[in-house]
Protein backbone atom coordinates (compact mmCIF):
# COMPACT_ATOMS: atom_id res chain seq x y z
CA MET A 1 -22.36 6.86 11.18
CA LYS A 2 -19.62 5.54 13.43
CA ASN A 3 -16.12 6.69 13.79
CA ARG A 4 -13.51 5.30 11.38
CA THR A 5 -9.88 4.82 11.65
CA GLN A 6 -7.51 5.38 8.75
CA LEU A 7 -3.93 4.66 8.17
CA ILE A 8 -2.69 7.45 5.66
CA ALA A 9 0.69 7.03 3.78
CA HIS A 10 2.73 10.30 2.83
CA ARG A 11 5.85 10.53 0.73
CA ASP A 12 7.98 13.48 -0.13
CA PHE A 13 8.49 12.91 -3.94
CA ASN A 14 10.89 15.96 -4.16
CA THR A 15 13.45 13.96 -2.02
CA VAL A 16 15.13 10.97 -3.43
CA GLY A 17 14.90 8.04 -1.09
CA ALA A 18 12.55 9.94 1.32
CA PRO A 19 10.85 7.43 3.63
CA ILE A 20 7.13 6.85 3.49
CA ARG A 21 5.55 8.16 6.66
CA PHE A 22 2.23 7.04 8.06
CA ASP A 23 -0.40 8.83 10.04
CA LEU A 24 -3.09 6.73 12.08
CA ILE A 25 -6.11 9.03 12.45
CA GLU A 26 -9.74 8.61 13.63
CA ARG A 27 -12.57 10.53 11.95
CA GLY A 28 -15.78 11.36 13.58
CA PRO A 29 -19.28 10.87 11.98
CA ASP A 30 -18.89 14.10 9.91
CA ARG A 31 -15.40 12.99 8.77
CA GLU A 32 -13.75 15.46 10.74
CA ILE A 33 -10.34 14.33 12.41
CA ILE A 34 -11.06 13.76 16.11
CA ARG A 35 -7.97 11.66 17.22
CA VAL A 36 -4.41 11.15 15.90
CA ALA A 37 -1.93 8.38 16.96
CA ASP A 38 1.43 9.49 18.51
CA SER A 39 4.65 7.56 17.80
CA VAL A 40 4.83 3.91 18.25
CA ILE A 41 6.83 2.89 21.36
CA MET A 42 9.11 -0.07 21.12
CA ARG A 43 9.59 -2.10 24.38
CA PRO A 44 11.91 -4.77 25.25
CA PHE A 45 10.99 -8.29 24.25
CA GLU A 46 10.23 -10.72 26.98
CA PRO A 47 10.18 -14.36 25.89
CA SER A 48 7.82 -15.11 28.85
CA ALA A 49 5.28 -12.92 27.28
CA ILE A 50 4.76 -15.19 24.22
CA SER A 51 2.14 -17.21 26.06
CA THR A 52 0.31 -14.26 27.20
CA TYR A 53 -2.27 -12.40 25.17
CA ARG A 54 -1.44 -8.83 24.01
CA ASP A 55 -3.40 -6.62 21.71
CA SER A 56 -1.69 -5.58 18.38
CA ALA A 57 -0.28 -1.97 18.11
CA PHE A 58 -3.24 -1.29 15.97
CA HIS A 59 -5.62 -3.07 13.54
CA LEU A 60 -7.38 -2.09 10.46
CA GLU A 61 -10.51 -3.48 8.71
CA PHE A 62 -10.04 -5.15 5.34
CA GLU A 63 -11.21 -2.10 3.36
CA GLN A 64 -8.68 0.09 5.23
CA CYS A 65 -5.96 -2.24 4.25
CA GLN A 66 -7.04 -2.02 0.69
CA SER A 67 -7.04 1.59 0.87
CA LEU A 68 -3.46 1.76 2.27
CA MET A 69 -2.32 -0.77 -0.53
CA ASN A 70 -3.87 1.59 -3.15
CA GLU A 71 -2.02 4.52 -1.58
CA LEU A 72 1.25 2.67 -1.61
CA TRP A 73 0.83 1.53 -5.12
CA ASN A 74 0.16 5.21 -6.18
CA MET A 75 3.56 5.99 -4.48
CA GLY A 76 5.44 3.48 -6.64
CA VAL A 77 5.63 0.59 -4.10
CA ARG A 78 5.08 -2.73 -5.81
CA PRO A 79 5.22 -6.32 -4.58
CA THR A 80 8.47 -8.07 -4.89
CA ASN A 81 7.06 -11.14 -6.34
CA GLU A 82 6.58 -11.79 -10.09
CA GLY A 83 3.07 -12.38 -11.34
CA THR A 84 1.10 -9.80 -9.38
CA ILE A 85 -2.59 -10.40 -10.21
CA GLY A 86 -3.55 -8.44 -13.30
CA VAL A 87 -0.16 -6.66 -13.79
CA SER A 88 1.66 -9.24 -15.75
CA GLU A 89 -1.42 -10.13 -17.88
CA ALA A 90 -1.76 -6.41 -18.86
CA GLN A 91 2.03 -6.19 -19.55
CA THR A 92 1.87 -9.37 -21.73
CA LYS A 93 -1.17 -7.84 -23.71
CA HIS A 94 0.57 -4.56 -24.18
CA LEU A 95 3.96 -6.22 -25.40
CA ASN A 96 1.98 -8.36 -27.73
CA ASP A 97 0.27 -5.16 -29.13
CA LEU A 98 3.66 -3.41 -29.45
CA ARG A 99 5.03 -6.55 -31.37
CA LYS A 100 2.17 -6.42 -33.78
CA ILE A 101 2.86 -2.65 -34.38
CA VAL A 102 6.60 -3.18 -34.95
CA PHE A 103 6.11 -6.24 -37.14
CA LYS A 104 3.49 -4.39 -39.28
CA THR A 105 5.58 -1.20 -39.49
CA LEU A 106 8.82 -3.17 -40.34
CA LYS A 107 6.83 -5.50 -42.56
CA ILE A 108 8.05 -8.51 -40.72
CA GLU A 109 5.92 -11.74 -40.91
CA SER A 110 5.06 -13.14 -37.56
């Protein structure tokens, strides 16, 4: 098994407004942590560098991005656009079920 890079999100739920912190780690074949990333260094932007190739600060495979999205979702981060796949449909079904219960309980014809 090859080494695997992970981007892990952390949040202190005991502190209101606490930032989400990220760790970029590399795990070895036995899943032990073998390397960790230090802080990201911001450098002055040079317009002449646009035409030259530079590597990204880091990259993640699709599955690693999916894992990060799941972690952020579990921390309460949601997309800002309406109609998130699956969510609005589930909410609509839930609201329809609640309407049926209320109408039946209050004996209202729908």
